[in-house]
Amino acid sequence: MRKDSHRSARSNPGGRVRYAVVGLGYIAQVAVLPAFANARRNSEICALFSGDPAKRRTLGRTYGVEPFPRTDQFAPKVLHFPTAS
């Protein structure tokens, strides 16, 4: 395991990986979301993004996740993007 992998695991309480799913089309509904839901022991779906209000509402309820219409309403508050220094 790389040295920096240890650091990110320690900074994430419980060592869970958090996922945000952008786009709630067919593949997200039949493969991605069910796979993440089945990996609850070490993973968490933290946000759903879709331009379709019905998909946001339905899938947000199904997976117990807050849905957003646009990524800019969520990403700056929670997601951490690496930057070049």
C-alpha atoms as a PDB file:
ATOM      1  CA  MET A   1       0.000   0.000   0.000  1.00  0.00           C
ATOM      2  CA  ARG A   2       1.297   3.462  -0.831  1.00  0.00           C
ATOM      3  CA  LYS A   3       2.263   5.807   1.976  1.00  0.00           C
ATOM      4  CA  ASP A   4      -0.383   8.416   0.992  1.00  0.00           C
ATOM      5  CA  SER A   5      -3.093   5.692   1.045  1.00  0.00           C
ATOM      6  CA  HIS A   6      -2.540   5.300   4.778  1.00  0.00           C
ATOM      7  CA  ARG A   7      -2.946   9.031   5.267  1.00  0.00           C
ATOM      8  CA  SER A   8      -6.306   9.215   3.450  1.00  0.00           C
ATOM      9  CA  ALA A   9      -7.672   6.178   5.285  1.00  0.00           C
ATOM     10  CA  ARG A  10      -6.785   7.768   8.625  1.00  0.00           C
ATOM     11  CA  SER A  11      -8.394  11.104   7.698  1.00  0.00           C
ATOM     12  CA  ASN A  12     -11.693   9.371   6.866  1.00  0.00           C
ATOM     13  CA  PRO A  13     -13.330   8.161  10.096  1.00  0.00           C
ATOM     14  CA  GLY A  14     -14.358   4.546   9.767  1.00  0.00           C
ATOM     15  CA  GLY A  15     -12.322   4.190   6.566  1.00  0.00           C
ATOM     16  CA  ARG A  16     -15.449   4.396   4.389  1.00  0.00           C
ATOM     17  CA  VAL A  17     -15.244   5.585   0.811  1.00  0.00           C
ATOM     18  CA  ARG A  18     -17.863   8.209  -0.042  1.00  0.00           C
ATOM     19  CA  TYR A  19     -19.331   8.332  -3.551  1.00  0.00           C
ATOM     20  CA  ALA A  20     -21.359  10.947  -5.381  1.00  0.00           C
ATOM     21  CA  VAL A  21     -23.200   9.679  -8.463  1.00  0.00           C
ATOM     22  CA  VAL A  22     -23.577  12.183 -11.288  1.00  0.00           C
ATOM     23  CA  GLY A  23     -26.314  11.224 -13.717  1.00  0.00           C
ATOM     24  CA  LEU A  24     -29.095   8.809 -12.805  1.00  0.00           C
ATOM     25  CA  GLY A  25     -29.672   7.034 -16.096  1.00  0.00           C
ATOM     26  CA  TYR A  26     -30.049   3.343 -16.807  1.00  0.00           C
ATOM     27  CA  ILE A  27     -26.499   2.228 -15.889  1.00  0.00           C
ATOM     28  CA  ALA A  28     -26.586   4.192 -12.615  1.00  0.00           C
ATOM     29  CA  GLN A  29     -29.934   2.638 -11.702  1.00  0.00           C
ATOM     30  CA  VAL A  30     -29.214  -1.001 -12.593  1.00  0.00           C
ATOM     31  CA  ALA A  31     -25.500  -1.262 -11.814  1.00  0.00           C
ATOM     32  CA  VAL A  32     -23.795   1.632 -10.013  1.00  0.00           C
ATOM     33  CA  LEU A  33     -26.283   2.463  -7.247  1.00  0.00           C
ATOM     34  CA  PRO A  34     -27.085  -1.176  -6.375  1.00  0.00           C
ATOM     35  CA  ALA A  35     -23.354  -2.002  -6.252  1.00  0.00           C
ATOM     36  CA  PHE A  36     -22.605   0.876  -3.880  1.00  0.00           C
ATOM     37  CA  ALA A  37     -25.626  -0.025  -1.749  1.00  0.00           C
ATOM     38  CA  ASN A  38     -24.334  -3.604  -1.463  1.00  0.00           C
ATOM     39  CA  ALA A  39     -20.936  -2.322  -0.333  1.00  0.00           C
ATOM     40  CA  ARG A  40     -22.300  -0.455   2.715  1.00  0.00           C
ATOM     41  CA  ARG A  41     -19.697  -1.965   5.022  1.00  0.00           C
ATOM     42  CA  ASN A  42     -16.951   0.184   3.507  1.00  0.00           C
ATOM     43  CA  SER A  43     -18.760   2.599   1.169  1.00  0.00           C
ATOM     44  CA  GLU A  44     -21.386   5.308   1.335  1.00  0.00           C
ATOM     45  CA  ILE A  45     -23.417   7.078  -1.332  1.00  0.00           C
ATOM     46  CA  CYS A  46     -23.289  10.685  -0.167  1.00  0.00           C
ATOM     47  CA  ALA A  47     -25.039  12.549  -3.019  1.00  0.00           C
ATOM     48  CA  LEU A  48     -26.983  12.055  -6.214  1.00  0.00           C
ATOM     49  CA  PHE A  49     -27.023  14.520  -9.105  1.00  0.00           C
ATOM     50  CA  SER A  50     -29.536  14.652 -11.940  1.00  0.00           C
ATOM     51  CA  GLY A  51     -31.325  17.230 -14.011  1.00  0.00           C
ATOM     52  CA  ASP A  52     -34.473  15.089 -13.811  1.00  0.00           C
ATOM     53  CA  PRO A  53     -36.534  16.019 -10.712  1.00  0.00           C
ATOM     54  CA  ALA A  54     -38.478  12.728 -10.716  1.00  0.00           C
ATOM     55  CA  LYS A  55     -35.290  10.624 -10.755  1.00  0.00           C
ATOM     56  CA  ARG A  56     -33.749  12.776  -8.011  1.00  0.00           C
ATOM     57  CA  ARG A  57     -36.803  12.406  -5.798  1.00  0.00           C
ATOM     58  CA  THR A  58     -37.356   8.667  -6.357  1.00  0.00           C
ATOM     59  CA  LEU A  59     -33.734   7.534  -6.145  1.00  0.00           C
ATOM     60  CA  GLY A  60     -32.957   9.897  -3.271  1.00  0.00           C
ATOM     61  CA  ARG A  61     -35.736   8.226  -1.263  1.00  0.00           C
ATOM     62  CA  THR A  62     -34.734   4.724  -2.348  1.00  0.00           C
ATOM     63  CA  TYR A  63     -31.110   5.147  -1.261  1.00  0.00           C
ATOM     64  CA  GLY A  64     -31.637   7.613   1.603  1.00  0.00           C
ATOM     65  CA  VAL A  65     -29.443  10.223  -0.042  1.00  0.00           C
ATOM     66  CA  GLU A  66     -30.000  13.920  -0.607  1.00  0.00           C
ATOM     67  CA  PRO A  67     -30.309  14.624  -4.348  1.00  0.00           C
ATOM     68  CA  PHE A  68     -29.072  17.791  -6.069  1.00  0.00           C
ATOM     69  CA  PRO A  69     -29.838  19.215  -9.519  1.00  0.00           C
ATOM     70  CA  ARG A  70     -26.296  20.589 -10.024  1.00  0.00           C
ATOM     71  CA  THR A  71     -22.860  19.608  -8.726  1.00  0.00           C
ATOM     72  CA  ASP A  72     -21.933  23.180  -7.799  1.00  0.00           C
ATOM     73  CA  GLN A  73     -24.575  23.127  -5.053  1.00  0.00           C
ATOM     74  CA  PHE A  74     -22.755  20.313  -3.281  1.00  0.00           C
ATOM     75  CA  ALA A  75     -19.131  19.817  -4.304  1.00  0.00           C
ATOM     76  CA  PRO A  76     -17.495  22.870  -2.712  1.00  0.00           C
ATOM     77  CA  LYS A  77     -18.995  22.002   0.681  1.00  0.00           C
ATOM     78  CA  VAL A  78     -18.141  18.310   0.932  1.00  0.00           C
ATOM     79  CA  LEU A  79     -15.934  16.951  -1.839  1.00  0.00           C
ATOM     80  CA  HIS A  80     -12.200  17.503  -1.750  1.00  0.00           C
ATOM     81  CA  PHE A  81     -10.460  17.854  -5.073  1.00  0.00           C
ATOM     82  CA  PRO A  82      -6.669  17.615  -5.261  1.00  0.00           C
ATOM     83  CA  THR A  83      -5.003  20.757  -6.538  1.00  0.00           C
ATOM     84  CA  ALA A  84      -1.551  21.346  -7.950  1.00  0.00           C
ATOM     85  CA  SER A  85       0.638  23.405  -5.674  1.00  0.00           C
END
